[in-house]
Amino acid sequence: MNRSVHAAVRAQQRCIPPLVEQWLNQFGEEKHDGHGGVLRYFSRASIRAMERAFGRAPVRKMSEYLDAYKVESSHDGDVLTIGHRTKRIKRR
């Protein structure tokens, strides 16, 4: 999985550590955006799964990053952008 230059710059500007990107890959939920991208984000279920895997304390310590999301290309899996959610993700 490669990151675009845009995604690398946005991750640095938005202070999202690489660990959060790994957690998004491992635990994040996927939603297709209808424009050739896949949105990965943390839901309640994925946060609970992280708590079972790592314990509550580490997840609580990283709670400021649990609103992070990333958009990947559905064709080749490259990361297009990374950011913090400001709106609710509608899942229907």
N, C-alpha and C. Protein backbone atom coordinates (compact mmCIF):
# COMPACT_ATOMS: atom_id res chain seq x y z
N MET A 1 0.84 -1.17 0.00
CA MET A 1 0.00 0.00 0.00
C MET A 1 0.89 1.24 0.00
N ASN A 2 0.69 2.08 -0.96
CA ASN A 2 1.46 3.31 -1.10
C ASN A 2 0.62 4.50 -0.69
N ARG A 3 1.31 5.53 -0.22
CA ARG A 3 0.63 6.79 0.10
C ARG A 3 0.97 7.80 -0.97
N SER A 4 -0.02 8.55 -1.38
CA SER A 4 0.25 9.62 -2.33
C SER A 4 0.97 10.75 -1.61
N VAL A 5 1.56 11.63 -2.37
CA VAL A 5 2.23 12.79 -1.78
C VAL A 5 1.22 13.62 -1.00
N HIS A 6 0.02 13.75 -1.56
CA HIS A 6 -1.04 14.49 -0.89
C HIS A 6 -1.37 13.88 0.48
N ALA A 7 -1.48 12.54 0.53
CA ALA A 7 -1.81 11.87 1.78
C ALA A 7 -0.69 12.04 2.81
N ALA A 8 0.55 11.97 2.38
CA ALA A 8 1.68 12.15 3.30
C ALA A 8 1.70 13.56 3.87
N VAL A 9 1.45 14.55 3.03
CA VAL A 9 1.43 15.94 3.49
C VAL A 9 0.26 16.16 4.45
N ARG A 10 -0.91 15.65 4.10
CA ARG A 10 -2.09 15.83 4.96
C ARG A 10 -1.91 15.13 6.31
N ALA A 11 -1.32 13.95 6.32
CA ALA A 11 -1.09 13.25 7.59
C ALA A 11 -0.17 14.05 8.49
N GLN A 12 0.86 14.67 7.90
CA GLN A 12 1.77 15.49 8.69
C GLN A 12 1.09 16.76 9.15
N GLN A 13 0.34 17.42 8.29
CA GLN A 13 -0.35 18.65 8.65
C GLN A 13 -1.39 18.42 9.73
N ARG A 14 -2.06 17.29 9.68
CA ARG A 14 -3.14 16.99 10.62
C ARG A 14 -2.67 16.19 11.82
N CYS A 15 -1.36 15.98 11.93
CA CYS A 15 -0.74 15.33 13.09
C CYS A 15 -1.33 13.95 13.36
N ILE A 16 -1.45 13.15 12.33
CA ILE A 16 -1.96 11.79 12.49
C ILE A 16 -0.77 10.84 12.43
N PRO A 17 -0.47 10.16 13.54
CA PRO A 17 0.71 9.28 13.56
C PRO A 17 0.51 8.01 12.73
N PRO A 18 1.60 7.40 12.31
CA PRO A 18 1.50 6.16 11.51
C PRO A 18 0.79 5.03 12.24
N LEU A 19 0.85 5.01 13.57
CA LEU A 19 0.16 3.97 14.34
C LEU A 19 -1.35 4.02 14.09
N VAL A 20 -1.90 5.21 13.99
CA VAL A 20 -3.34 5.35 13.75
C VAL A 20 -3.69 4.81 12.36
N GLU A 21 -2.82 5.04 11.40
CA GLU A 21 -3.06 4.50 10.06
C GLU A 21 -3.03 2.97 10.08
N GLN A 22 -2.13 2.38 10.86
CA GLN A 22 -2.08 0.93 11.00
C GLN A 22 -3.36 0.41 11.65
N TRP A 23 -3.83 1.11 12.69
CA TRP A 23 -5.07 0.71 13.36
C TRP A 23 -6.25 0.81 12.40
N LEU A 24 -6.27 1.84 11.55
CA LEU A 24 -7.33 1.94 10.56
C LEU A 24 -7.31 0.75 9.61
N ASN A 25 -6.13 0.32 9.20
CA ASN A 25 -6.02 -0.85 8.32
C ASN A 25 -6.51 -2.11 9.02
N GLN A 26 -6.14 -2.26 10.28
CA GLN A 26 -6.43 -3.49 11.00
C GLN A 26 -7.85 -3.54 11.54
N PHE A 27 -8.36 -2.42 12.09
CA PHE A 27 -9.63 -2.45 12.79
C PHE A 27 -10.72 -1.58 12.15
N GLY A 28 -10.36 -0.67 11.27
CA GLY A 28 -11.33 0.28 10.73
C GLY A 28 -12.38 -0.36 9.84
N GLU A 29 -13.56 0.25 9.83
CA GLU A 29 -14.63 -0.21 8.96
C GLU A 29 -14.47 0.43 7.59
N GLU A 30 -14.94 -0.26 6.58
CA GLU A 30 -14.84 0.22 5.21
C GLU A 30 -16.21 0.65 4.70
N LYS A 31 -16.19 1.70 3.90
CA LYS A 31 -17.40 2.15 3.22
C LYS A 31 -16.98 2.66 1.85
N HIS A 32 -17.61 2.16 0.81
CA HIS A 32 -17.31 2.63 -0.54
C HIS A 32 -18.00 3.97 -0.74
N ASP A 33 -17.27 4.92 -1.31
CA ASP A 33 -17.83 6.26 -1.44
C ASP A 33 -18.56 6.50 -2.75
N GLY A 34 -18.55 5.55 -3.66
CA GLY A 34 -19.25 5.68 -4.91
C GLY A 34 -18.49 6.45 -5.98
N HIS A 35 -17.26 6.85 -5.68
CA HIS A 35 -16.44 7.58 -6.64
C HIS A 35 -15.10 6.89 -6.87
N GLY A 36 -15.04 5.60 -6.60
CA GLY A 36 -13.79 4.86 -6.80
C GLY A 36 -12.89 4.86 -5.59
N GLY A 37 -13.41 5.22 -4.44
CA GLY A 37 -12.61 5.24 -3.21
C GLY A 37 -13.25 4.41 -2.11
N VAL A 38 -12.45 4.05 -1.15
CA VAL A 38 -12.92 3.31 0.02
C VAL A 38 -12.57 4.14 1.24
N LEU A 39 -13.56 4.45 2.04
CA LEU A 39 -13.38 5.23 3.26
C LEU A 39 -13.18 4.26 4.42
N ARG A 40 -12.11 4.45 5.18
CA ARG A 40 -11.86 3.65 6.39
C ARG A 40 -11.94 4.57 7.59
N TYR A 41 -12.68 4.13 8.62
CA TYR A 41 -12.88 4.95 9.81
C TYR A 41 -13.12 4.04 11.01
N PHE A 42 -13.06 4.64 12.19
CA PHE A 42 -13.31 3.90 13.42
C PHE A 42 -14.78 4.02 13.79
N SER A 43 -15.43 2.88 14.01
CA SER A 43 -16.81 2.85 14.49
C SER A 43 -16.77 2.37 15.94
N ARG A 44 -17.92 2.34 16.56
CA ARG A 44 -17.98 1.83 17.94
C ARG A 44 -17.50 0.38 18.01
N ALA A 45 -17.91 -0.41 17.04
CA ALA A 45 -17.51 -1.82 17.03
C ALA A 45 -16.00 -1.97 16.86
N SER A 46 -15.41 -1.16 16.02
CA SER A 46 -13.96 -1.27 15.81
C SER A 46 -13.19 -0.76 17.03
N ILE A 47 -13.71 0.23 17.71
CA ILE A 47 -13.07 0.71 18.94
C ILE A 47 -13.14 -0.37 20.02
N ARG A 48 -14.27 -1.05 20.11
CA ARG A 48 -14.40 -2.16 21.08
C ARG A 48 -13.43 -3.29 20.74
N ALA A 49 -13.25 -3.57 19.46
CA ALA A 49 -12.30 -4.61 19.05
C ALA A 49 -10.87 -4.22 19.43
N MET A 50 -10.53 -2.94 19.29
CA MET A 50 -9.19 -2.48 19.69
C MET A 50 -9.03 -2.60 21.20
N GLU A 51 -10.08 -2.29 21.96
CA GLU A 51 -10.01 -2.42 23.42
C GLU A 51 -9.80 -3.87 23.83
N ARG A 52 -10.44 -4.80 23.13
CA ARG A 52 -10.22 -6.22 23.43
C ARG A 52 -8.80 -6.64 23.08
N ALA A 53 -8.25 -6.10 22.00
CA ALA A 53 -6.92 -6.50 21.56
C ALA A 53 -5.81 -5.87 22.40
N PHE A 54 -5.94 -4.59 22.74
CA PHE A 54 -4.86 -3.86 23.40
C PHE A 54 -5.15 -3.49 24.85
N GLY A 55 -6.40 -3.53 25.25
CA GLY A 55 -6.78 -3.06 26.58
C GLY A 55 -7.35 -1.64 26.48
N ARG A 56 -8.07 -1.24 27.51
CA ARG A 56 -8.72 0.07 27.47
C ARG A 56 -7.74 1.23 27.59
N ALA A 57 -6.72 1.08 28.40
CA ALA A 57 -5.81 2.21 28.66
C ALA A 57 -5.11 2.72 27.40
N PRO A 58 -4.51 1.87 26.57
CA PRO A 58 -3.85 2.40 25.37
C PRO A 58 -4.84 3.05 24.39
N VAL A 59 -6.02 2.47 24.28
CA VAL A 59 -7.02 3.04 23.36
C VAL A 59 -7.50 4.38 23.89
N ARG A 60 -7.71 4.48 25.18
CA ARG A 60 -8.12 5.75 25.80
C ARG A 60 -7.04 6.81 25.63
N LYS A 61 -5.78 6.40 25.72
CA LYS A 61 -4.66 7.32 25.55
C LYS A 61 -4.63 7.91 24.14
N MET A 62 -5.03 7.11 23.16
CA MET A 62 -5.03 7.55 21.77
C MET A 62 -6.41 8.04 21.31
N SER A 63 -7.29 8.37 22.25
CA SER A 63 -8.68 8.71 21.91
C SER A 63 -8.80 9.95 21.03
N GLU A 64 -7.84 10.84 21.08
CA GLU A 64 -7.94 12.04 20.25
C GLU A 64 -7.81 11.73 18.76
N TYR A 65 -7.33 10.53 18.43
CA TYR A 65 -7.15 10.14 17.03
C TYR A 65 -8.25 9.21 16.53
N LEU A 66 -9.23 8.90 17.37
CA LEU A 66 -10.26 7.94 16.97
C LEU A 66 -11.30 8.54 16.03
N ASP A 67 -11.17 9.83 15.72
CA ASP A 67 -12.03 10.43 14.70
C ASP A 67 -11.32 10.50 13.35
N ALA A 68 -10.21 9.80 13.23
CA ALA A 68 -9.43 9.82 11.99
C ALA A 68 -10.11 8.95 10.93
N TYR A 69 -9.84 9.29 9.69
CA TYR A 69 -10.31 8.50 8.56
C TYR A 69 -9.25 8.55 7.47
N LYS A 70 -9.38 7.65 6.53
CA LYS A 70 -8.52 7.72 5.35
C LYS A 70 -9.30 7.21 4.15
N VAL A 71 -8.94 7.72 3.00
CA VAL A 71 -9.58 7.34 1.75
C VAL A 71 -8.53 6.63 0.90
N GLU A 72 -8.87 5.42 0.49
CA GLU A 72 -8.00 4.61 -0.35
C GLU A 72 -8.63 4.45 -1.72
N SER A 73 -7.82 4.23 -2.71
CA SER A 73 -8.31 3.93 -4.05
C SER A 73 -8.84 2.50 -4.06
N SER A 74 -10.00 2.29 -4.65
CA SER A 74 -10.55 0.94 -4.70
C SER A 74 -9.87 0.10 -5.79
N HIS A 75 -9.13 0.75 -6.67
CA HIS A 75 -8.48 0.02 -7.76
C HIS A 75 -7.16 -0.60 -7.34
N ASP A 76 -6.29 0.19 -6.70
CA ASP A 76 -4.97 -0.31 -6.35
C ASP A 76 -4.65 -0.22 -4.86
N GLY A 77 -5.54 0.34 -4.04
CA GLY A 77 -5.32 0.39 -2.61
C GLY A 77 -4.43 1.51 -2.12
N ASP A 78 -4.03 2.41 -3.02
CA ASP A 78 -3.20 3.54 -2.60
C ASP A 78 -4.00 4.48 -1.71
N VAL A 79 -3.33 5.05 -0.70
CA VAL A 79 -3.98 6.00 0.20
C VAL A 79 -4.02 7.35 -0.50
N LEU A 80 -5.23 7.92 -0.61
CA LEU A 80 -5.40 9.19 -1.29
C LEU A 80 -5.32 10.37 -0.32
N THR A 81 -5.96 10.25 0.85
CA THR A 81 -5.91 11.32 1.84
C THR A 81 -6.22 10.77 3.22
N ILE A 82 -5.84 11.53 4.23
CA ILE A 82 -6.05 11.17 5.63
C ILE A 82 -6.51 12.43 6.35
N GLY A 83 -7.42 12.27 7.28
CA GLY A 83 -7.89 13.45 8.01
C GLY A 83 -8.66 13.09 9.27
N HIS A 84 -9.25 14.12 9.88
CA HIS A 84 -10.11 13.98 11.05
C HIS A 84 -11.54 14.25 10.62
N ARG A 85 -12.47 13.41 11.10
CA ARG A 85 -13.88 13.62 10.76
C ARG A 85 -14.42 14.84 11.49
N THR A 86 -15.21 15.63 10.80
CA THR A 86 -15.92 16.74 11.44
C THR A 86 -17.43 16.52 11.37
N LYS A 87 -17.85 15.58 10.54
CA LYS A 87 -19.25 15.24 10.40
C LYS A 87 -19.45 13.75 10.60
N ARG A 88 -20.66 13.38 10.90
CA ARG A 88 -21.01 12.00 11.09
C ARG A 88 -20.98 11.27 9.74
N ILE A 89 -20.55 10.01 9.73
CA ILE A 89 -20.52 9.22 8.52
C ILE A 89 -21.85 8.47 8.44
N LYS A 90 -22.60 8.72 7.39
CA LYS A 90 -23.88 8.04 7.19
C LYS A 90 -23.61 6.69 6.57
N ARG A 91 -24.13 5.63 7.18
CA ARG A 91 -23.79 4.29 6.74
C ARG A 91 -24.89 3.64 5.92
N ARG A 92 -25.79 4.36 5.34
CA ARG A 92 -26.85 3.76 4.52
C ARG A 92 -26.76 4.20 3.11
